[in-house]
Amino acid sequence: MTLRCLIVEDQVMFLQLLCKMLQGLPGLEVVGSATNCHAGFEACRKLRPDALILDLALPDGDGLGVARFLRLLRPEAKALVLSAQASSFVCPEELEAMLVGVVDKTSTYETLRNVIEAALLQETPQDAEPNGPVAALTPRQLQIFSLIGQGLSNKAIAHATGLAVATVETHRKAIARRLNCSGAELVRRAALDLGPVP
């Protein structure tokens, strides 16, 4: 299944770079772009994309407003945030289920591409029953779950995976929700379920 993606970014050159970069990703189709919130709302209404890649600082408002609007139209849609301040980004609680990652706009081309691909195109395994809820984690969540089991901090996990700390925190919350456990219980569960990896 092809993921239909809308990009909302006000820097035209960066927007064009993203469009070109994502054209080569199998399983993803860029169906539109917008350079401000108003155009983003209209594109969401018209195109109803499966996913958003959006800048936070837009000329006419906060890019998260576009994410909130799409969530009303399509509750299952994904969103990935682009920000020069990715390390200090805090996801609003109402968007936690939608947000799959935070990408630092100052990252290299290759890092941007890899993070976007990992965040947007990862799939949840279908056959989750044999190993319980852990088997329902996405490949990226399993990787982070394993690193949590090794006792790594969010900052250390971010360094090991090439993700922003905010992205790791978002994944960590999603894992805790999926496994129905608190933050402290998550560390214990990760250590018991996967154990430290040599």
C-alpha atoms as a PDB file:
ATOM      1  CA  MET A   1       0.000   0.000   0.000  1.00  0.00           C
ATOM      2  CA  THR A   2       1.321   3.441  -0.938  1.00  0.00           C
ATOM      3  CA  LEU A   3       1.439   6.110   1.760  1.00  0.00           C
ATOM      4  CA  ARG A   4       0.083   9.396   0.362  1.00  0.00           C
ATOM      5  CA  CYS A   5       2.078  12.253   1.857  1.00  0.00           C
ATOM      6  CA  LEU A   6       1.581  16.031   2.054  1.00  0.00           C
ATOM      7  CA  ILE A   7       4.577  18.294   2.783  1.00  0.00           C
ATOM      8  CA  VAL A   8       3.988  21.627   4.534  1.00  0.00           C
ATOM      9  CA  GLU A   9       7.173  23.729   4.500  1.00  0.00           C
ATOM     10  CA  ASP A  10       7.639  27.465   3.895  1.00  0.00           C
ATOM     11  CA  GLN A  11      11.240  27.388   2.638  1.00  0.00           C
ATOM     12  CA  VAL A  12      10.693  26.706  -1.065  1.00  0.00           C
ATOM     13  CA  MET A  13      14.179  25.335  -1.792  1.00  0.00           C
ATOM     14  CA  PHE A  14      13.981  22.944   1.160  1.00  0.00           C
ATOM     15  CA  LEU A  15      10.464  21.933   0.098  1.00  0.00           C
ATOM     16  CA  GLN A  16      11.702  21.134  -3.414  1.00  0.00           C
ATOM     17  CA  LEU A  17      14.607  19.134  -1.959  1.00  0.00           C
ATOM     18  CA  LEU A  18      12.205  17.101   0.194  1.00  0.00           C
ATOM     19  CA  CYS A  19       9.881  16.405  -2.735  1.00  0.00           C
ATOM     20  CA  LYS A  20      12.783  15.236  -4.901  1.00  0.00           C
ATOM     21  CA  MET A  21      14.289  13.180  -2.083  1.00  0.00           C
ATOM     22  CA  LEU A  22      11.020  11.387  -1.293  1.00  0.00           C
ATOM     23  CA  GLN A  23      10.175  10.598  -4.924  1.00  0.00           C
ATOM     24  CA  GLY A  24      12.631   7.717  -4.804  1.00  0.00           C
ATOM     25  CA  LEU A  25      11.137   6.048  -1.730  1.00  0.00           C
ATOM     26  CA  PRO A  26       9.077   2.968  -2.585  1.00  0.00           C
ATOM     27  CA  GLY A  27       5.761   2.907  -0.758  1.00  0.00           C
ATOM     28  CA  LEU A  28       5.492   6.697  -0.488  1.00  0.00           C
ATOM     29  CA  GLU A  29       3.884   9.187  -2.875  1.00  0.00           C
ATOM     30  CA  VAL A  30       4.064  12.967  -2.386  1.00  0.00           C
ATOM     31  CA  VAL A  31       0.551  14.056  -3.367  1.00  0.00           C
ATOM     32  CA  GLY A  32       0.928  17.745  -2.608  1.00  0.00           C
ATOM     33  CA  SER A  33       2.770  20.555  -0.881  1.00  0.00           C
ATOM     34  CA  ALA A  34       1.942  23.805   0.888  1.00  0.00           C
ATOM     35  CA  THR A  35       4.007  26.752   2.112  1.00  0.00           C
ATOM     36  CA  ASN A  36       1.706  28.026   4.871  1.00  0.00           C
ATOM     37  CA  CYS A  37      -1.031  26.897   7.269  1.00  0.00           C
ATOM     38  CA  HIS A  38      -3.920  28.121   5.130  1.00  0.00           C
ATOM     39  CA  ALA A  39      -2.702  26.209   2.078  1.00  0.00           C
ATOM     40  CA  GLY A  40      -2.017  23.226   4.342  1.00  0.00           C
ATOM     41  CA  PHE A  41      -5.620  23.205   5.599  1.00  0.00           C
ATOM     42  CA  GLU A  42      -6.923  23.379   2.027  1.00  0.00           C
ATOM     43  CA  ALA A  43      -4.601  20.590   0.856  1.00  0.00           C
ATOM     44  CA  CYS A  44      -5.674  18.374   3.779  1.00  0.00           C
ATOM     45  CA  ARG A  45      -9.324  19.007   2.985  1.00  0.00           C
ATOM     46  CA  LYS A  46      -8.868  18.285  -0.724  1.00  0.00           C
ATOM     47  CA  LEU A  47      -6.272  15.481  -0.685  1.00  0.00           C
ATOM     48  CA  ARG A  48      -6.898  13.784   2.688  1.00  0.00           C
ATOM     49  CA  PRO A  49      -3.308  12.462   2.853  1.00  0.00           C
ATOM     50  CA  ASP A  50      -2.180   9.477   4.919  1.00  0.00           C
ATOM     51  CA  ALA A  51       0.766  11.439   6.311  1.00  0.00           C
ATOM     52  CA  LEU A  52       2.083  14.952   6.850  1.00  0.00           C
ATOM     53  CA  ILE A  53       5.660  16.164   6.873  1.00  0.00           C
ATOM     54  CA  LEU A  54       5.448  19.630   8.340  1.00  0.00           C
ATOM     55  CA  ASP A  55       7.491  22.541   9.532  1.00  0.00           C
ATOM     56  CA  LEU A  56       6.493  24.056  12.870  1.00  0.00           C
ATOM     57  CA  ALA A  57       7.216  27.718  12.083  1.00  0.00           C
ATOM     58  CA  LEU A  58       5.033  28.807   9.170  1.00  0.00           C
ATOM     59  CA  PRO A  59       4.366  32.422   8.064  1.00  0.00           C
ATOM     60  CA  ASP A  60       0.724  32.370   9.166  1.00  0.00           C
ATOM     61  CA  GLY A  61       0.880  30.167  12.256  1.00  0.00           C
ATOM     62  CA  ASP A  62       1.987  26.951  13.940  1.00  0.00           C
ATOM     63  CA  GLY A  63       2.330  23.921  11.669  1.00  0.00           C
ATOM     64  CA  LEU A  64       0.836  21.726  14.390  1.00  0.00           C
ATOM     65  CA  GLY A  65      -2.506  23.359  13.584  1.00  0.00           C
ATOM     66  CA  VAL A  66      -2.400  21.586  10.216  1.00  0.00           C
ATOM     67  CA  ALA A  67      -1.715  18.275  11.982  1.00  0.00           C
ATOM     68  CA  ARG A  68      -4.662  18.833  14.318  1.00  0.00           C
ATOM     69  CA  PHE A  69      -6.896  19.606  11.335  1.00  0.00           C
ATOM     70  CA  LEU A  70      -5.845  16.448   9.456  1.00  0.00           C
ATOM     71  CA  ARG A  71      -6.384  14.385  12.595  1.00  0.00           C
ATOM     72  CA  LEU A  72     -10.020  15.536  12.640  1.00  0.00           C
ATOM     73  CA  LEU A  73     -10.408  14.449   9.002  1.00  0.00           C
ATOM     74  CA  ARG A  74      -8.345  11.262   9.270  1.00  0.00           C
ATOM     75  CA  PRO A  75      -7.677  10.055  12.850  1.00  0.00           C
ATOM     76  CA  GLU A  76      -5.335   7.321  11.548  1.00  0.00           C
ATOM     77  CA  ALA A  77      -3.052   9.768   9.684  1.00  0.00           C
ATOM     78  CA  LYS A  78       0.627  10.099  10.637  1.00  0.00           C
ATOM     79  CA  ALA A  79       2.654  13.269  11.085  1.00  0.00           C
ATOM     80  CA  LEU A  80       6.378  13.923  11.100  1.00  0.00           C
ATOM     81  CA  VAL A  81       7.674  17.284  12.339  1.00  0.00           C
ATOM     82  CA  LEU A  82      10.560  19.192  10.764  1.00  0.00           C
ATOM     83  CA  SER A  83      12.246  21.720  13.017  1.00  0.00           C
ATOM     84  CA  ALA A  84      15.552  23.484  13.492  1.00  0.00           C
ATOM     85  CA  GLN A  85      14.797  23.161  17.232  1.00  0.00           C
ATOM     86  CA  ALA A  86      14.017  19.433  17.152  1.00  0.00           C
ATOM     87  CA  SER A  87      15.895  18.754  20.387  1.00  0.00           C
ATOM     88  CA  SER A  88      13.624  21.081  22.387  1.00  0.00           C
ATOM     89  CA  PHE A  89      10.320  20.089  20.745  1.00  0.00           C
ATOM     90  CA  VAL A  90       7.645  18.747  23.093  1.00  0.00           C
ATOM     91  CA  CYS A  91       4.744  16.954  21.451  1.00  0.00           C
ATOM     92  CA  PRO A  92       1.290  18.091  22.594  1.00  0.00           C
ATOM     93  CA  GLU A  93      -0.516  15.228  24.313  1.00  0.00           C
ATOM     94  CA  GLU A  94      -3.399  15.203  21.829  1.00  0.00           C
ATOM     95  CA  LEU A  95      -0.991  14.578  18.929  1.00  0.00           C
ATOM     96  CA  GLU A  96       1.140  11.849  20.538  1.00  0.00           C
ATOM     97  CA  ALA A  97      -0.712   9.025  18.763  1.00  0.00           C
ATOM     98  CA  MET A  98      -0.299  10.789  15.399  1.00  0.00           C
ATOM     99  CA  LEU A  99       3.318  11.938  15.645  1.00  0.00           C
ATOM    100  CA  VAL A 100       5.837   9.364  14.416  1.00  0.00           C
ATOM    101  CA  GLY A 101       8.973  11.466  14.606  1.00  0.00           C
ATOM    102  CA  VAL A 102      10.771  14.784  14.853  1.00  0.00           C
ATOM    103  CA  VAL A 103      13.494  15.543  12.304  1.00  0.00           C
ATOM    104  CA  ASP A 104      16.180  18.181  12.733  1.00  0.00           C
ATOM    105  CA  LYS A 105      16.128  20.314   9.576  1.00  0.00           C
ATOM    106  CA  THR A 106      19.860  20.877   9.884  1.00  0.00           C
ATOM    107  CA  SER A 107      20.560  17.144   9.440  1.00  0.00           C
ATOM    108  CA  THR A 108      22.435  15.893   6.404  1.00  0.00           C
ATOM    109  CA  TYR A 109      20.496  14.860   3.303  1.00  0.00           C
ATOM    110  CA  GLU A 110      21.116  11.162   3.993  1.00  0.00           C
ATOM    111  CA  THR A 111      20.052  11.421   7.639  1.00  0.00           C
ATOM    112  CA  LEU A 112      16.879  13.280   6.677  1.00  0.00           C
ATOM    113  CA  ARG A 113      15.986  10.633   4.120  1.00  0.00           C
ATOM    114  CA  ASN A 114      16.706   7.728   6.474  1.00  0.00           C
ATOM    115  CA  VAL A 115      14.760   9.193   9.398  1.00  0.00           C
ATOM    116  CA  ILE A 116      11.759  10.093   7.227  1.00  0.00           C
ATOM    117  CA  GLU A 117      11.759   6.620   5.667  1.00  0.00           C
ATOM    118  CA  ALA A 118      12.051   4.860   9.031  1.00  0.00           C
ATOM    119  CA  ALA A 119       9.376   6.985  10.703  1.00  0.00           C
ATOM    120  CA  LEU A 120       6.764   7.012   7.950  1.00  0.00           C
ATOM    121  CA  LEU A 121       7.161   3.667   6.220  1.00  0.00           C
ATOM    122  CA  GLN A 122       7.656   1.276   9.115  1.00  0.00           C
ATOM    123  CA  GLU A 123       4.834  -1.228   9.437  1.00  0.00           C
ATOM    124  CA  THR A 124       3.407  -2.943  12.492  1.00  0.00           C
ATOM    125  CA  PRO A 125       3.878  -6.702  12.266  1.00  0.00           C
ATOM    126  CA  GLN A 126       0.544  -8.382  11.465  1.00  0.00           C
ATOM    127  CA  ASP A 127       1.093 -11.637  13.343  1.00  0.00           C
ATOM    128  CA  ALA A 128       1.391 -10.252  16.853  1.00  0.00           C
ATOM    129  CA  GLU A 129      -0.196 -12.966  18.971  1.00  0.00           C
ATOM    130  CA  PRO A 130       2.564 -15.568  19.502  1.00  0.00           C
ATOM    131  CA  ASN A 131       4.841 -13.224  21.470  1.00  0.00           C
ATOM    132  CA  GLY A 132       2.229 -10.893  22.951  1.00  0.00           C
ATOM    133  CA  PRO A 133       2.208  -7.075  22.783  1.00  0.00           C
ATOM    134  CA  VAL A 134       5.962  -6.741  22.178  1.00  0.00           C
ATOM    135  CA  ALA A 135       5.500  -8.428  18.787  1.00  0.00           C
ATOM    136  CA  ALA A 136       3.083  -5.623  17.865  1.00  0.00           C
ATOM    137  CA  LEU A 137       5.881  -3.028  18.093  1.00  0.00           C
ATOM    138  CA  THR A 138       7.242  -1.582  14.855  1.00  0.00           C
ATOM    139  CA  PRO A 139      10.874  -2.348  13.908  1.00  0.00           C
ATOM    140  CA  ARG A 140      11.977   1.115  15.101  1.00  0.00           C
ATOM    141  CA  GLN A 141      10.085   0.687  18.385  1.00  0.00           C
ATOM    142  CA  LEU A 142      11.686  -2.731  18.897  1.00  0.00           C
ATOM    143  CA  GLN A 143      15.111  -1.176  18.334  1.00  0.00           C
ATOM    144  CA  ILE A 144      14.406   1.543  20.913  1.00  0.00           C
ATOM    145  CA  PHE A 145      12.829  -1.003  23.294  1.00  0.00           C
ATOM    146  CA  SER A 146      16.020  -3.065  23.079  1.00  0.00           C
ATOM    147  CA  LEU A 147      18.188  -0.018  23.821  1.00  0.00           C
ATOM    148  CA  ILE A 148      15.950   0.867  26.788  1.00  0.00           C
ATOM    149  CA  GLY A 149      16.568  -2.695  28.001  1.00  0.00           C
ATOM    150  CA  GLN A 150      20.295  -1.957  27.923  1.00  0.00           C
ATOM    151  CA  GLY A 151      19.685   0.960  30.287  1.00  0.00           C
ATOM    152  CA  LEU A 152      20.452   3.712  27.768  1.00  0.00           C
ATOM    153  CA  SER A 153      19.097   7.229  28.328  1.00  0.00           C
ATOM    154  CA  ASN A 154      16.976   8.998  25.699  1.00  0.00           C
ATOM    155  CA  LYS A 155      20.035  11.035  24.710  1.00  0.00           C
ATOM    156  CA  ALA A 156      22.180   7.919  24.307  1.00  0.00           C
ATOM    157  CA  ILE A 157      19.435   6.179  22.300  1.00  0.00           C
ATOM    158  CA  ALA A 158      19.161   9.264  20.073  1.00  0.00           C
ATOM    159  CA  HIS A 159      22.920   9.162  19.463  1.00  0.00           C
ATOM    160  CA  ALA A 160      22.865   5.417  18.722  1.00  0.00           C
ATOM    161  CA  THR A 161      19.949   5.624  16.279  1.00  0.00           C
ATOM    162  CA  GLY A 162      20.601   9.013  14.653  1.00  0.00           C
ATOM    163  CA  LEU A 163      17.218  10.292  15.845  1.00  0.00           C
ATOM    164  CA  ALA A 164      16.408  13.516  17.683  1.00  0.00           C
ATOM    165  CA  VAL A 165      15.904  13.154  21.447  1.00  0.00           C
ATOM    166  CA  ALA A 166      12.305  14.360  20.979  1.00  0.00           C
ATOM    167  CA  THR A 167      11.708  11.546  18.470  1.00  0.00           C
ATOM    168  CA  VAL A 168      13.045   8.977  20.940  1.00  0.00           C
ATOM    169  CA  GLU A 169      10.764  10.403  23.640  1.00  0.00           C
ATOM    170  CA  THR A 170       7.775  10.167  21.291  1.00  0.00           C
ATOM    171  CA  HIS A 171       8.591   6.528  20.456  1.00  0.00           C
ATOM    172  CA  ARG A 172       9.124   5.760  24.137  1.00  0.00           C
ATOM    173  CA  LYS A 173       5.671   7.085  25.039  1.00  0.00           C
ATOM    174  CA  ALA A 174       4.094   5.150  22.168  1.00  0.00           C
ATOM    175  CA  ILE A 175       5.824   1.933  23.321  1.00  0.00           C
ATOM    176  CA  ALA A 176       4.665   2.474  26.914  1.00  0.00           C
ATOM    177  CA  ARG A 177       1.106   3.045  25.696  1.00  0.00           C
ATOM    178  CA  ARG A 178       1.158  -0.058  23.479  1.00  0.00           C
ATOM    179  CA  LEU A 179       2.526  -2.217  26.308  1.00  0.00           C
ATOM    180  CA  ASN A 180       0.227  -0.535  28.844  1.00  0.00           C
ATOM    181  CA  CYS A 181       2.959   0.319  31.324  1.00  0.00           C
ATOM    182  CA  SER A 182       4.430   3.396  33.002  1.00  0.00           C
ATOM    183  CA  GLY A 183       7.869   4.857  32.253  1.00  0.00           C
ATOM    184  CA  ALA A 184       9.554   3.035  35.145  1.00  0.00           C
ATOM    185  CA  GLU A 185       7.792  -0.226  34.303  1.00  0.00           C
ATOM    186  CA  LEU A 186       8.904   0.139  30.677  1.00  0.00           C
ATOM    187  CA  VAL A 187      12.605  -0.018  31.657  1.00  0.00           C
ATOM    188  CA  ARG A 188      12.000  -3.151  33.722  1.00  0.00           C
ATOM    189  CA  ARG A 189       9.873  -4.727  31.000  1.00  0.00           C
ATOM    190  CA  ALA A 190      12.482  -3.994  28.314  1.00  0.00           C
ATOM    191  CA  ALA A 191      15.242  -5.549  30.440  1.00  0.00           C
ATOM    192  CA  LEU A 192      13.134  -8.665  31.141  1.00  0.00           C
ATOM    193  CA  ASP A 193      11.608  -9.150  27.683  1.00  0.00           C
ATOM    194  CA  LEU A 194      14.620  -8.515  25.483  1.00  0.00           C
ATOM    195  CA  GLY A 195      17.476  -8.380  27.919  1.00  0.00           C
ATOM    196  CA  PRO A 196      20.728  -6.495  27.395  1.00  0.00           C
ATOM    197  CA  VAL A 197      22.183  -6.973  23.935  1.00  0.00           C
ATOM    198  CA  PRO A 198      25.960  -7.696  23.933  1.00  0.00           C
END
